[in-house]
Amino acid sequence: MPLLGIFFHYVIAISWTLLFFIVCLKLSILLKNWVVSGIAFGLVVWLSMNLVILPLSRVPSTPITLSGALIGISVLMVCIGLPIAFLASRYYQSKG
């Protein structure tokens, strides 16, 4: 079961990455300031996962606390949003 969890965790992370790269094709403004885009994307990922995806799954729900939310949002901003936005910015700059 833990291996399945890790597998799906990576599938979800790669899916969010692909979504950001696709959206950048349509909204090139996201690439102009990748830091702001990355922070906003981390927030969007947290909101989507915690308010839409997880409630639709069969995962037992736990109450959202302010400290838990701030930690989760911060982690997603730093570990998902900023790296994805940085890489997308560099990738599309090189494609020119």
C-alpha atoms as a PDB file:
ATOM      1  CA  MET A   1       0.000   0.000   0.000  1.00  0.00           C
ATOM      2  CA  PRO A   2       2.783   2.518   0.732  1.00  0.00           C
ATOM      3  CA  LEU A   3       4.262   1.948  -2.740  1.00  0.00           C
ATOM      4  CA  LEU A   4       0.872   2.590  -4.294  1.00  0.00           C
ATOM      5  CA  GLY A   5       0.594   5.793  -2.274  1.00  0.00           C
ATOM      6  CA  ILE A   6       4.000   6.975  -3.459  1.00  0.00           C
ATOM      7  CA  PHE A   7       3.100   6.102  -7.059  1.00  0.00           C
ATOM      8  CA  PHE A   8      -0.122   8.124  -6.956  1.00  0.00           C
ATOM      9  CA  HIS A   9       1.626  10.994  -5.187  1.00  0.00           C
ATOM     10  CA  TYR A  10       4.068  11.260  -8.100  1.00  0.00           C
ATOM     11  CA  VAL A  11       1.299  10.870 -10.694  1.00  0.00           C
ATOM     12  CA  ILE A  12      -0.594  13.751  -9.106  1.00  0.00           C
ATOM     13  CA  ALA A  13       2.537  15.941  -8.894  1.00  0.00           C
ATOM     14  CA  ILE A  14       3.396  15.267 -12.546  1.00  0.00           C
ATOM     15  CA  SER A  15      -0.197  16.019 -13.544  1.00  0.00           C
ATOM     16  CA  TRP A  16      -0.053  19.413 -11.814  1.00  0.00           C
ATOM     17  CA  THR A  17       3.256  20.093 -13.562  1.00  0.00           C
ATOM     18  CA  LEU A  18       1.802  19.273 -16.966  1.00  0.00           C
ATOM     19  CA  LEU A  19      -1.225  21.458 -16.228  1.00  0.00           C
ATOM     20  CA  PHE A  20       0.996  24.433 -15.399  1.00  0.00           C
ATOM     21  CA  PHE A  21       3.076  23.985 -18.560  1.00  0.00           C
ATOM     22  CA  ILE A  22      -0.096  23.767 -20.682  1.00  0.00           C
ATOM     23  CA  VAL A  23      -1.663  26.815 -19.044  1.00  0.00           C
ATOM     24  CA  CYS A  24       1.563  28.760 -19.670  1.00  0.00           C
ATOM     25  CA  LEU A  25       1.093  28.192 -23.396  1.00  0.00           C
ATOM     26  CA  LYS A  26      -2.236  30.031 -23.191  1.00  0.00           C
ATOM     27  CA  LEU A  27      -1.319  32.605 -20.517  1.00  0.00           C
ATOM     28  CA  SER A  28       2.258  33.672 -21.164  1.00  0.00           C
ATOM     29  CA  ILE A  29       1.889  36.350 -18.464  1.00  0.00           C
ATOM     30  CA  LEU A  30       2.521  33.562 -15.941  1.00  0.00           C
ATOM     31  CA  LEU A  31       6.099  33.353 -17.194  1.00  0.00           C
ATOM     32  CA  LYS A  32       6.899  37.046 -16.808  1.00  0.00           C
ATOM     33  CA  ASN A  33       7.074  36.865 -13.008  1.00  0.00           C
ATOM     34  CA  TRP A  34       7.618  33.220 -12.174  1.00  0.00           C
ATOM     35  CA  VAL A  35       7.899  33.860  -8.424  1.00  0.00           C
ATOM     36  CA  VAL A  36       4.385  35.300  -8.151  1.00  0.00           C
ATOM     37  CA  SER A  37       3.066  32.613 -10.514  1.00  0.00           C
ATOM     38  CA  GLY A  38       4.707  29.861  -8.472  1.00  0.00           C
ATOM     39  CA  ILE A  39       3.316  31.141  -5.188  1.00  0.00           C
ATOM     40  CA  ALA A  40      -0.161  31.491  -6.678  1.00  0.00           C
ATOM     41  CA  PHE A  41       0.070  28.037  -8.257  1.00  0.00           C
ATOM     42  CA  GLY A  42       1.027  26.478  -4.916  1.00  0.00           C
ATOM     43  CA  LEU A  43      -2.078  28.062  -3.390  1.00  0.00           C
ATOM     44  CA  VAL A  44      -4.254  26.811  -6.266  1.00  0.00           C
ATOM     45  CA  VAL A  45      -2.898  23.281  -5.850  1.00  0.00           C
ATOM     46  CA  TRP A  46      -3.583  23.328  -2.098  1.00  0.00           C
ATOM     47  CA  LEU A  47      -7.105  24.694  -2.539  1.00  0.00           C
ATOM     48  CA  SER A  48      -7.930  22.227  -5.319  1.00  0.00           C
ATOM     49  CA  MET A  49      -6.576  19.210  -3.484  1.00  0.00           C
ATOM     50  CA  ASN A  50      -8.094  20.032  -0.087  1.00  0.00           C
ATOM     51  CA  LEU A  51     -11.430  21.491  -1.137  1.00  0.00           C
ATOM     52  CA  VAL A  52     -12.215  19.469  -4.278  1.00  0.00           C
ATOM     53  CA  ILE A  53     -10.111  16.342  -4.849  1.00  0.00           C
ATOM     54  CA  LEU A  54      -9.839  14.959  -1.305  1.00  0.00           C
ATOM     55  CA  PRO A  55     -13.548  15.451  -0.495  1.00  0.00           C
ATOM     56  CA  LEU A  56     -14.396  13.524  -3.682  1.00  0.00           C
ATOM     57  CA  SER A  57     -12.143  10.643  -2.664  1.00  0.00           C
ATOM     58  CA  ARG A  58     -12.801   8.093   0.044  1.00  0.00           C
ATOM     59  CA  VAL A  59     -10.032   9.409   2.253  1.00  0.00           C
ATOM     60  CA  PRO A  60     -11.368  10.048   5.755  1.00  0.00           C
ATOM     61  CA  SER A  61     -11.667  13.780   6.248  1.00  0.00           C
ATOM     62  CA  THR A  62      -9.957  15.663   9.019  1.00  0.00           C
ATOM     63  CA  PRO A  63     -10.756  19.214  10.020  1.00  0.00           C
ATOM     64  CA  ILE A  64      -8.641  21.914   8.397  1.00  0.00           C
ATOM     65  CA  THR A  65      -6.800  23.949  11.010  1.00  0.00           C
ATOM     66  CA  LEU A  66      -5.172  27.308  10.403  1.00  0.00           C
ATOM     67  CA  SER A  67      -1.702  26.063  11.306  1.00  0.00           C
ATOM     68  CA  GLY A  68      -2.103  22.916   9.191  1.00  0.00           C
ATOM     69  CA  ALA A  69      -3.376  24.937   6.254  1.00  0.00           C
ATOM     70  CA  LEU A  70      -0.528  27.456   6.474  1.00  0.00           C
ATOM     71  CA  ILE A  71       2.066  24.685   6.643  1.00  0.00           C
ATOM     72  CA  GLY A  72       0.476  22.801   3.715  1.00  0.00           C
ATOM     73  CA  ILE A  73       0.163  25.920   1.585  1.00  0.00           C
ATOM     74  CA  SER A  74       3.755  26.954   2.349  1.00  0.00           C
ATOM     75  CA  VAL A  75       5.114  23.523   1.470  1.00  0.00           C
ATOM     76  CA  LEU A  76       3.227  23.448  -1.828  1.00  0.00           C
ATOM     77  CA  MET A  77       4.336  26.977  -2.696  1.00  0.00           C
ATOM     78  CA  VAL A  78       8.007  26.219  -2.028  1.00  0.00           C
ATOM     79  CA  CYS A  79       8.209  22.577  -3.159  1.00  0.00           C
ATOM     80  CA  ILE A  80       5.735  22.545  -6.050  1.00  0.00           C
ATOM     81  CA  GLY A  81       4.740  26.038  -7.195  1.00  0.00           C
ATOM     82  CA  LEU A  82       8.105  27.814  -7.297  1.00  0.00           C
ATOM     83  CA  PRO A  83      10.131  24.983  -8.888  1.00  0.00           C
ATOM     84  CA  ILE A  84       7.483  24.334 -11.548  1.00  0.00           C
ATOM     85  CA  ALA A  85       7.139  28.033 -12.388  1.00  0.00           C
ATOM     86  CA  PHE A  86      10.930  28.448 -12.525  1.00  0.00           C
ATOM     87  CA  LEU A  87      11.370  25.445 -14.817  1.00  0.00           C
ATOM     88  CA  ALA A  88       8.493  26.527 -17.063  1.00  0.00           C
ATOM     89  CA  SER A  89       9.953  30.015 -17.307  1.00  0.00           C
ATOM     90  CA  ARG A  90      13.366  28.679 -18.290  1.00  0.00           C
ATOM     91  CA  TYR A  91      11.925  26.128 -20.678  1.00  0.00           C
ATOM     92  CA  TYR A  92       9.783  28.614 -22.588  1.00  0.00           C
ATOM     93  CA  GLN A  93      12.597  31.206 -22.625  1.00  0.00           C
ATOM     94  CA  SER A  94      14.866  28.707 -24.332  1.00  0.00           C
ATOM     95  CA  LYS A  95      12.151  27.956 -26.899  1.00  0.00           C
ATOM     96  CA  GLY A  96      12.024  31.703 -27.528  1.00  0.00           C
END
